[in-house]
Every structure is written in structure tokens, then in C-alpha cells.
Amino acid sequence: MTHARRWTVDIYIDEHEDERRTRAEARLINQDRVGVAGVGLARRNPVDPEVPEIGDELAVSRALSDLAHQLLDAAAGDIEQLTHDRPRLPG
């Protein structure tokens, strides 16, 4: 029998114009992992034009990448606990 599970990622974006900085947080919501969140930052060079979408895209992609790496590390830890051998997971 197939068991369907739902994992949701909420993304929060904070723009700090005075610092030319965008911060994103990608929070995983599921039944098993509480409080797992990835963080990403983007900083605009003072000579670059102000295009908020670019900062959002960079910060969010970095937050999702951080979250993905945390999940890979968690999976590797779970595998190691079961097999007593550290797996080599591509990342």
C-alpha cells in the first residue's frame, strides 16, 4: 500500500534596504521534523541597481540549499545509526 505524506516549506523573506541585504528563511513543516529551517542571505553591491527580485531569488535559493543540506545530513545520520557506517551521500 502506498502511503502519501505531505511536506510543506514556508519561505519568509525580509528585505533590509538600508543595509542592501535580503534574508530568506525556508521552514520545513512535516510530522517528523520540527524546527528545521534553512537560511539564505543576499547582499547588493552599492554600485548595482536596486532590483529586489534578484535579492529575493538569491536569498531564497540559498535558504533552500541550506535546508537541503540539513536534510541530507539528517538522512546520513539516520543511515549511520541503522548501519553503523557513515554513508557517502552526494550533495
PDB file of N, CA and C in Angstrom:
ATOM      1  N   MET A   1       0.831  -1.178   0.000  1.00  0.00           N
ATOM      2  CA  MET A   1       0.000   0.000   0.000  1.00  0.00           C
ATOM      3  C   MET A   1       0.881   1.249   0.000  1.00  0.00           C
ATOM      4  N   THR A   2       0.504   2.228  -0.764  1.00  0.00           N
ATOM      5  CA  THR A   2       1.242   3.474  -0.841  1.00  0.00           C
ATOM      6  C   THR A   2       0.792   4.414   0.262  1.00  0.00           C
ATOM      7  N   HIS A   3       1.759   4.999   0.947  1.00  0.00           N
ATOM      8  CA  HIS A   3       1.460   5.984   1.981  1.00  0.00           C
ATOM      9  C   HIS A   3       1.903   7.358   1.479  1.00  0.00           C
ATOM     10  N   ALA A   4       0.976   8.263   1.417  1.00  0.00           N
ATOM     11  CA  ALA A   4       1.305   9.617   0.981  1.00  0.00           C
ATOM     12  C   ALA A   4       1.564  10.492   2.207  1.00  0.00           C
ATOM     13  N   ARG A   5       2.614  11.274   2.122  1.00  0.00           N
ATOM     14  CA  ARG A   5       2.930  12.236   3.171  1.00  0.00           C
ATOM     15  C   ARG A   5       3.059  13.599   2.532  1.00  0.00           C
ATOM     16  N   ARG A   6       2.780  14.603   3.321  1.00  0.00           N
ATOM     17  CA  ARG A   6       2.877  15.965   2.814  1.00  0.00           C
ATOM     18  C   ARG A   6       3.921  16.731   3.613  1.00  0.00           C
ATOM     19  N   TRP A   7       4.869  17.275   2.895  1.00  0.00           N
ATOM     20  CA  TRP A   7       5.860  18.164   3.484  1.00  0.00           C
ATOM     21  C   TRP A   7       5.667  19.526   2.834  1.00  0.00           C
ATOM     22  N   THR A   8       5.672  20.539   3.641  1.00  0.00           N
ATOM     23  CA  THR A   8       5.475  21.895   3.146  1.00  0.00           C
ATOM     24  C   THR A   8       6.672  22.745   3.558  1.00  0.00           C
ATOM     25  N   VAL A   9       7.073  23.629   2.686  1.00  0.00           N
ATOM     26  CA  VAL A   9       8.133  24.575   3.014  1.00  0.00           C
ATOM     27  C   VAL A   9       7.540  25.978   2.932  1.00  0.00           C
ATOM     28  N   ASP A  10       7.566  26.677   4.048  1.00  0.00           N
ATOM     29  CA  ASP A  10       7.169  28.081   4.073  1.00  0.00           C
ATOM     30  C   ASP A  10       8.428  28.922   3.931  1.00  0.00           C
ATOM     31  N   ILE A  11       8.350  29.938   3.092  1.00  0.00           N
ATOM     32  CA  ILE A  11       9.510  30.806   2.863  1.00  0.00           C
ATOM     33  C   ILE A  11       9.160  32.216   3.317  1.00  0.00           C
ATOM     34  N   TYR A  12      10.014  32.743   4.163  1.00  0.00           N
ATOM     35  CA  TYR A  12       9.856  34.097   4.688  1.00  0.00           C
ATOM     36  C   TYR A  12      11.022  34.934   4.185  1.00  0.00           C
ATOM     37  N   ILE A  13      10.709  36.121   3.666  1.00  0.00           N
ATOM     38  CA  ILE A  13      11.736  36.997   3.099  1.00  0.00           C
ATOM     39  C   ILE A  13      11.681  38.341   3.811  1.00  0.00           C
ATOM     40  N   ASP A  14      12.833  38.784   4.288  1.00  0.00           N
ATOM     41  CA  ASP A  14      12.970  40.102   4.906  1.00  0.00           C
ATOM     42  C   ASP A  14      13.933  40.923   4.068  1.00  0.00           C
ATOM     43  N   GLU A  15      13.487  42.091   3.650  1.00  0.00           N
ATOM     44  CA  GLU A  15      14.369  42.980   2.902  1.00  0.00           C
ATOM     45  C   GLU A  15      14.779  44.132   3.807  1.00  0.00           C
ATOM     46  N   HIS A  16      16.075  44.389   3.835  1.00  0.00           N
ATOM     47  CA  HIS A  16      16.630  45.467   4.649  1.00  0.00           C
ATOM     48  C   HIS A  16      17.302  46.449   3.693  1.00  0.00           C
ATOM     49  N   GLU A  17      16.515  47.400   3.207  1.00  0.00           N
ATOM     50  CA  GLU A  17      17.006  48.327   2.185  1.00  0.00           C
ATOM     51  C   GLU A  17      18.180  49.166   2.675  1.00  0.00           C
ATOM     52  N   ASP A  18      18.131  49.582   3.935  1.00  0.00           N
ATOM     53  CA  ASP A  18      19.203  50.428   4.456  1.00  0.00           C
ATOM     54  C   ASP A  18      20.542  49.691   4.479  1.00  0.00           C
ATOM     55  N   GLU A  19      20.501  48.367   4.586  1.00  0.00           N
ATOM     56  CA  GLU A  19      21.720  47.561   4.590  1.00  0.00           C
ATOM     57  C   GLU A  19      21.985  46.905   3.238  1.00  0.00           C
ATOM     58  N   ARG A  20      21.086  47.118   2.257  1.00  0.00           N
ATOM     59  CA  ARG A  20      21.180  46.492   0.941  1.00  0.00           C
ATOM     60  C   ARG A  20      21.282  44.969   1.091  1.00  0.00           C
ATOM     61  N   ARG A  21      20.418  44.419   1.958  1.00  0.00           N
ATOM     62  CA  ARG A  21      20.510  43.000   2.301  1.00  0.00           C
ATOM     63  C   ARG A  21      19.122  42.370   2.278  1.00  0.00           C
ATOM     64  N   THR A  22      19.061  41.128   1.813  1.00  0.00           N
ATOM     65  CA  THR A  22      17.833  40.339   1.831  1.00  0.00           C
ATOM     66  C   THR A  22      18.130  39.040   2.558  1.00  0.00           C
ATOM     67  N   ARG A  23      17.237  38.662   3.461  1.00  0.00           N
ATOM     68  CA  ARG A  23      17.378  37.423   4.226  1.00  0.00           C
ATOM     69  C   ARG A  23      16.141  36.569   3.970  1.00  0.00           C
ATOM     70  N   ALA A  24      16.354  35.293   3.703  1.00  0.00           N
ATOM     71  CA  ALA A  24      15.239  34.368   3.498  1.00  0.00           C
ATOM     72  C   ALA A  24      15.396  33.197   4.461  1.00  0.00           C
ATOM     73  N   GLU A  25      14.252  32.713   4.926  1.00  0.00           N
ATOM     74  CA  GLU A  25      14.231  31.523   5.767  1.00  0.00           C
ATOM     75  C   GLU A  25      13.235  30.544   5.172  1.00  0.00           C
ATOM     76  N   ALA A  26      13.687  29.311   4.946  1.00  0.00           N
ATOM     77  CA  ALA A  26      12.843  28.246   4.408  1.00  0.00           C
ATOM     78  C   ALA A  26      12.580  27.259   5.543  1.00  0.00           C
ATOM     79  N   ARG A  27      11.342  27.232   6.029  1.00  0.00           N
ATOM     80  CA  ARG A  27      10.981  26.376   7.167  1.00  0.00           C
ATOM     81  C   ARG A  27      10.221  25.150   6.691  1.00  0.00           C
ATOM     82  N   LEU A  28      10.747  23.985   7.041  1.00  0.00           N
ATOM     83  CA  LEU A  28      10.101  22.719   6.696  1.00  0.00           C
ATOM     84  C   LEU A  28       9.020  22.409   7.719  1.00  0.00           C
ATOM     85  N   ILE A  29       7.857  22.048   7.214  1.00  0.00           N
ATOM     86  CA  ILE A  29       6.743  21.685   8.081  1.00  0.00           C
ATOM     87  C   ILE A  29       6.324  20.265   7.704  1.00  0.00           C
ATOM     88  N   ASN A  30       6.515  19.344   8.648  1.00  0.00           N
ATOM     89  CA  ASN A  30       6.047  17.972   8.483  1.00  0.00           C
ATOM     90  C   ASN A  30       5.864  17.350   9.853  1.00  0.00           C
ATOM     91  N   GLN A  31       5.416  16.129   9.886  1.00  0.00           N
ATOM     92  CA  GLN A  31       5.133  15.477  11.162  1.00  0.00           C
ATOM     93  C   GLN A  31       6.395  15.040  11.894  1.00  0.00           C
ATOM     94  N   ASP A  32       7.470  14.771  11.171  1.00  0.00           N
ATOM     95  CA  ASP A  32       8.654  14.190  11.777  1.00  0.00           C
ATOM     96  C   ASP A  32       9.723  15.193  12.199  1.00  0.00           C
ATOM     97  N   ARG A  33       9.902  16.222  11.425  1.00  0.00           N
ATOM     98  CA  ARG A  33      10.998  17.152  11.675  1.00  0.00           C
ATOM     99  C   ARG A  33      10.438  18.523  12.043  1.00  0.00           C
ATOM    100  N   VAL A  34      10.599  18.853  13.301  1.00  0.00           N
ATOM    101  CA  VAL A  34      10.091  20.135  13.788  1.00  0.00           C
ATOM    102  C   VAL A  34      11.255  21.110  13.899  1.00  0.00           C
ATOM    103  N   GLY A  35      11.061  22.289  13.398  1.00  0.00           N
ATOM    104  CA  GLY A  35      12.066  23.327  13.560  1.00  0.00           C
ATOM    105  C   GLY A  35      13.222  23.290  12.595  1.00  0.00           C
ATOM    106  N   VAL A  36      13.131  22.534  11.517  1.00  0.00           N
ATOM    107  CA  VAL A  36      14.208  22.517  10.526  1.00  0.00           C
ATOM    108  C   VAL A  36      14.010  23.711   9.596  1.00  0.00           C
ATOM    109  N   ALA A  37      15.029  24.549   9.515  1.00  0.00           N
ATOM    110  CA  ALA A  37      14.926  25.739   8.676  1.00  0.00           C
ATOM    111  C   ALA A  37      16.277  26.050   8.059  1.00  0.00           C
ATOM    112  N   GLY A  38      16.236  26.467   6.806  1.00  0.00           N
ATOM    113  CA  GLY A  38      17.440  26.905   6.121  1.00  0.00           C
ATOM    114  C   GLY A  38      17.419  28.423   6.009  1.00  0.00           C
ATOM    115  N   VAL A  39      18.588  29.020   6.029  1.00  0.00           N
ATOM    116  CA  VAL A  39      18.704  30.474   5.948  1.00  0.00           C
ATOM    117  C   VAL A  39      19.592  30.837   4.769  1.00  0.00           C
ATOM    118  N   GLY A  40      19.199  31.887   4.055  1.00  0.00           N
ATOM    119  CA  GLY A  40      19.998  32.392   2.943  1.00  0.00           C
ATOM    120  C   GLY A  40      20.048  33.904   2.967  1.00  0.00           C
ATOM    121  N   LEU A  41      21.180  34.446   2.585  1.00  0.00           N
ATOM    122  CA  LEU A  41      21.372  35.891   2.559  1.00  0.00           C
ATOM    123  C   LEU A  41      21.824  36.340   1.180  1.00  0.00           C
ATOM    124  N   ALA A  42      21.423  37.537   0.822  1.00  0.00           N
ATOM    125  CA  ALA A  42      21.902  38.176  -0.410  1.00  0.00           C
ATOM    126  C   ALA A  42      22.228  39.620  -0.070  1.00  0.00           C
ATOM    127  N   ARG A  43      23.302  40.106  -0.616  1.00  0.00           N
ATOM    128  CA  ARG A  43      23.726  41.480  -0.350  1.00  0.00           C
ATOM    129  C   ARG A  43      23.977  42.166  -1.691  1.00  0.00           C
ATOM    130  N   ARG A  44      23.392  43.356  -1.855  1.00  0.00           N
ATOM    131  CA  ARG A  44      23.544  44.107  -3.099  1.00  0.00           C
ATOM    132  C   ARG A  44      24.774  45.001  -3.014  1.00  0.00           C
ATOM    133  N   ASN A  45      25.558  44.964  -4.070  1.00  0.00           N
ATOM    134  CA  ASN A  45      26.696  45.854  -4.189  1.00  0.00           C
ATOM    135  C   ASN A  45      26.171  47.287  -4.344  1.00  0.00           C
ATOM    136  N   PRO A  46      26.753  48.259  -3.656  1.00  0.00           N
ATOM    137  CA  PRO A  46      26.253  49.635  -3.743  1.00  0.00           C
ATOM    138  C   PRO A  46      26.215  50.214  -5.157  1.00  0.00           C
ATOM    139  N   VAL A  47      27.048  49.707  -6.054  1.00  0.00           N
ATOM    140  CA  VAL A  47      27.066  50.242  -7.415  1.00  0.00           C
ATOM    141  C   VAL A  47      26.032  49.582  -8.325  1.00  0.00           C
ATOM    142  N   ASP A  48      25.432  48.486  -7.875  1.00  0.00           N
ATOM    143  CA  ASP A  48      24.428  47.785  -8.671  1.00  0.00           C
ATOM    144  C   ASP A  48      23.063  48.453  -8.534  1.00  0.00           C
ATOM    145  N   PRO A  49      22.257  48.391  -9.591  1.00  0.00           N
ATOM    146  CA  PRO A  49      20.911  48.957  -9.497  1.00  0.00           C
ATOM    147  C   PRO A  49      20.058  48.147  -8.512  1.00  0.00           C
ATOM    148  N   GLU A  50      19.068  48.800  -7.926  1.00  0.00           N
ATOM    149  CA  GLU A  50      18.197  48.137  -6.962  1.00  0.00           C
ATOM    150  C   GLU A  50      17.103  47.358  -7.690  1.00  0.00           C
ATOM    151  N   VAL A  51      17.211  46.029  -7.647  1.00  0.00           N
ATOM    152  CA  VAL A  51      16.216  45.131  -8.238  1.00  0.00           C
ATOM    153  C   VAL A  51      15.875  44.104  -7.156  1.00  0.00           C
ATOM    154  N   PRO A  52      14.829  44.367  -6.352  1.00  0.00           N
ATOM    155  CA  PRO A  52      14.519  43.499  -5.213  1.00  0.00           C
ATOM    156  C   PRO A  52      14.321  42.030  -5.576  1.00  0.00           C
ATOM    157  N   GLU A  53      13.795  41.754  -6.761  1.00  0.00           N
ATOM    158  CA  GLU A  53      13.536  40.366  -7.149  1.00  0.00           C
ATOM    159  C   GLU A  53      14.817  39.539  -7.185  1.00  0.00           C
ATOM    160  N   ILE A  54      15.918  40.163  -7.584  1.00  0.00           N
ATOM    161  CA  ILE A  54      17.185  39.441  -7.660  1.00  0.00           C
ATOM    162  C   ILE A  54      17.644  39.044  -6.262  1.00  0.00           C
ATOM    163  N   GLY A  55      17.560  39.969  -5.315  1.00  0.00           N
ATOM    164  CA  GLY A  55      17.913  39.648  -3.932  1.00  0.00           C
ATOM    165  C   GLY A  55      17.036  38.561  -3.368  1.00  0.00           C
ATOM    166  N   ASP A  56      15.732  38.626  -3.676  1.00  0.00           N
ATOM    167  CA  ASP A  56      14.808  37.585  -3.211  1.00  0.00           C
ATOM    168  C   ASP A  56      15.209  36.223  -3.769  1.00  0.00           C
ATOM    169  N   GLU A  57      15.473  36.178  -5.071  1.00  0.00           N
ATOM    170  CA  GLU A  57      15.821  34.905  -5.711  1.00  0.00           C
ATOM    171  C   GLU A  57      17.105  34.315  -5.136  1.00  0.00           C
ATOM    172  N   LEU A  58      18.106  35.153  -4.940  1.00  0.00           N
ATOM    173  CA  LEU A  58      19.370  34.667  -4.389  1.00  0.00           C
ATOM    174  C   LEU A  58      19.203  34.181  -2.952  1.00  0.00           C
ATOM    175  N   ALA A  59      18.541  34.979  -2.126  1.00  0.00           N
ATOM    176  CA  ALA A  59      18.367  34.611  -0.718  1.00  0.00           C
ATOM    177  C   ALA A  59      17.535  33.345  -0.580  1.00  0.00           C
ATOM    178  N   VAL A  60      16.454  33.236  -1.354  1.00  0.00           N
ATOM    179  CA  VAL A  60      15.601  32.044  -1.270  1.00  0.00           C
ATOM    180  C   VAL A  60      16.348  30.811  -1.762  1.00  0.00           C
ATOM    181  N   SER A  61      17.078  30.930  -2.858  1.00  0.00           N
ATOM    182  CA  SER A  61      17.812  29.759  -3.362  1.00  0.00           C
ATOM    183  C   SER A  61      18.848  29.298  -2.345  1.00  0.00           C
ATOM    184  N   ARG A  62      19.478  30.224  -1.669  1.00  0.00           N
ATOM    185  CA  ARG A  62      20.468  29.854  -0.651  1.00  0.00           C
ATOM    186  C   ARG A  62      19.804  29.233   0.582  1.00  0.00           C
ATOM    187  N   ALA A  63      18.630  29.738   0.946  1.00  0.00           N
ATOM    188  CA  ALA A  63      17.894  29.154   2.079  1.00  0.00           C
ATOM    189  C   ALA A  63      17.456  27.723   1.757  1.00  0.00           C
ATOM    190  N   LEU A  64      16.960  27.502   0.544  1.00  0.00           N
ATOM    191  CA  LEU A  64      16.553  26.155   0.146  1.00  0.00           C
ATOM    192  C   LEU A  64      17.748  25.209   0.072  1.00  0.00           C
ATOM    193  N   SER A  65      18.881  25.706  -0.396  1.00  0.00           N
ATOM    194  CA  SER A  65      20.097  24.900  -0.445  1.00  0.00           C
ATOM    195  C   SER A  65      20.536  24.521   0.964  1.00  0.00           C
ATOM    196  N   ASP A  66      20.483  25.483   1.883  1.00  0.00           N
ATOM    197  CA  ASP A  66      20.843  25.213   3.275  1.00  0.00           C
ATOM    198  C   ASP A  66      19.913  24.154   3.873  1.00  0.00           C
ATOM    199  N   LEU A  67      18.617  24.288   3.620  1.00  0.00           N
ATOM    200  CA  LEU A  67      17.644  23.314   4.109  1.00  0.00           C
ATOM    201  C   LEU A  67      17.928  21.929   3.523  1.00  0.00           C
ATOM    202  N   ALA A  68      18.218  21.872   2.230  1.00  0.00           N
ATOM    203  CA  ALA A  68      18.513  20.596   1.573  1.00  0.00           C
ATOM    204  C   ALA A  68      19.735  19.923   2.202  1.00  0.00           C
ATOM    205  N   HIS A  69      20.776  20.693   2.479  1.00  0.00           N
ATOM    206  CA  HIS A  69      21.979  20.118   3.081  1.00  0.00           C
ATOM    207  C   HIS A  69      21.703  19.617   4.503  1.00  0.00           C
ATOM    208  N   GLN A  70      20.862  20.326   5.233  1.00  0.00           N
ATOM    209  CA  GLN A  70      20.498  19.851   6.573  1.00  0.00           C
ATOM    210  C   GLN A  70      19.745  18.524   6.504  1.00  0.00           C
ATOM    211  N   LEU A  71      18.863  18.394   5.515  1.00  0.00           N
ATOM    212  CA  LEU A  71      18.119  17.145   5.356  1.00  0.00           C
ATOM    213  C   LEU A  71      19.040  16.005   4.941  1.00  0.00           C
ATOM    214  N   LEU A  72      20.011  16.286   4.064  1.00  0.00           N
ATOM    215  CA  LEU A  72      20.997  15.272   3.696  1.00  0.00           C
ATOM    216  C   LEU A  72      21.796  14.819   4.906  1.00  0.00           C
ATOM    217  N   ASP A  73      22.211  15.763   5.733  1.00  0.00           N
ATOM    218  CA  ASP A  73      22.960  15.420   6.945  1.00  0.00           C
ATOM    219  C   ASP A  73      22.105  14.578   7.896  1.00  0.00           C
ATOM    220  N   ALA A  74      20.823  14.941   8.022  1.00  0.00           N
ATOM    221  CA  ALA A  74      19.924  14.176   8.887  1.00  0.00           C
ATOM    222  C   ALA A  74      19.746  12.755   8.361  1.00  0.00           C
ATOM    223  N   ALA A  75      19.589  12.623   7.047  1.00  0.00           N
ATOM    224  CA  ALA A  75      19.443  11.292   6.450  1.00  0.00           C
ATOM    225  C   ALA A  75      20.708  10.467   6.662  1.00  0.00           C
ATOM    226  N   ALA A  76      21.866  11.091   6.487  1.00  0.00           N
ATOM    227  CA  ALA A  76      23.130  10.385   6.692  1.00  0.00           C
ATOM    228  C   ALA A  76      23.254   9.919   8.138  1.00  0.00           C
ATOM    229  N   GLY A  77      22.836  10.758   9.072  1.00  0.00           N
ATOM    230  CA  GLY A  77      22.868  10.367  10.482  1.00  0.00           C
ATOM    231  C   GLY A  77      21.932   9.210  10.775  1.00  0.00           C
ATOM    232  N   ASP A  78      20.745   9.228  10.169  1.00  0.00           N
ATOM    233  CA  ASP A  78      19.789   8.131  10.357  1.00  0.00           C
ATOM    234  C   ASP A  78      20.338   6.822   9.781  1.00  0.00           C
ATOM    235  N   ILE A  79      20.962   6.904   8.596  1.00  0.00           N
ATOM    236  CA  ILE A  79      21.538   5.713   7.965  1.00  0.00           C
ATOM    237  C   ILE A  79      22.676   5.170   8.826  1.00  0.00           C
ATOM    238  N   GLU A  80      23.514   6.084   9.316  1.00  0.00           N
ATOM    239  CA  GLU A  80      24.638   5.658  10.153  1.00  0.00           C
ATOM    240  C   GLU A  80      24.150   4.984  11.432  1.00  0.00           C
ATOM    241  N   GLN A  81      23.086   5.489  11.989  1.00  0.00           N
ATOM    242  CA  GLN A  81      22.535   4.894  13.207  1.00  0.00           C
ATOM    243  C   GLN A  81      22.035   3.469  12.946  1.00  0.00           C
ATOM    244  N   LEU A  82      21.465   3.240  11.771  1.00  0.00           N
ATOM    245  CA  LEU A  82      20.955   1.909  11.434  1.00  0.00           C
ATOM    246  C   LEU A  82      22.038   0.930  11.005  1.00  0.00           C
ATOM    247  N   THR A  83      23.008   1.428  10.244  1.00  0.00           N
ATOM    248  CA  THR A  83      24.014   0.546   9.650  1.00  0.00           C
ATOM    249  C   THR A  83      25.361   0.565  10.370  1.00  0.00           C
ATOM    250  N   HIS A  84      25.569   1.553  11.259  1.00  0.00           N
ATOM    251  CA  HIS A  84      26.846   1.748  11.958  1.00  0.00           C
ATOM    252  C   HIS A  84      27.986   2.040  10.988  1.00  0.00           C
ATOM    253  N   ASP A  85      27.608   2.628   9.837  1.00  0.00           N
ATOM    254  CA  ASP A  85      28.599   3.001   8.831  1.00  0.00           C
ATOM    255  C   ASP A  85      28.161   4.344   8.261  1.00  0.00           C
ATOM    256  N   ARG A  86      29.084   5.276   8.158  1.00  0.00           N
ATOM    257  CA  ARG A  86      28.765   6.613   7.645  1.00  0.00           C
ATOM    258  C   ARG A  86      28.590   6.541   6.129  1.00  0.00           C
ATOM    259  N   PRO A  87      27.406   6.868   5.619  1.00  0.00           N
ATOM    260  CA  PRO A  87      27.182   6.814   4.165  1.00  0.00           C
ATOM    261  C   PRO A  87      27.829   8.018   3.476  1.00  0.00           C
ATOM    262  N   ARG A  88      28.065   7.855   2.194  1.00  0.00           N
ATOM    263  CA  ARG A  88      28.557   8.953   1.359  1.00  0.00           C
ATOM    264  C   ARG A  88      27.426   9.391   0.462  1.00  0.00           C
ATOM    265  N   LEU A  89      26.740  10.438   0.881  1.00  0.00           N
ATOM    266  CA  LEU A  89      25.613  10.942   0.082  1.00  0.00           C
ATOM    267  C   LEU A  89      26.087  12.115  -0.752  1.00  0.00           C
ATOM    268  N   PRO A  90      25.763  12.103  -2.034  1.00  0.00           N
ATOM    269  CA  PRO A  90      26.128  13.259  -2.872  1.00  0.00           C
ATOM    270  C   PRO A  90      25.367  14.489  -2.415  1.00  0.00           C
ATOM    271  N   GLY A  91      25.990  15.613  -2.501  1.00  0.00           N
ATOM    272  CA  GLY A  91      25.317  16.833  -2.062  1.00  0.00           C
ATOM    273  C   GLY A  91      25.652  17.917  -2.952  1.00  0.00           C
TER     274      GLY A  91
END
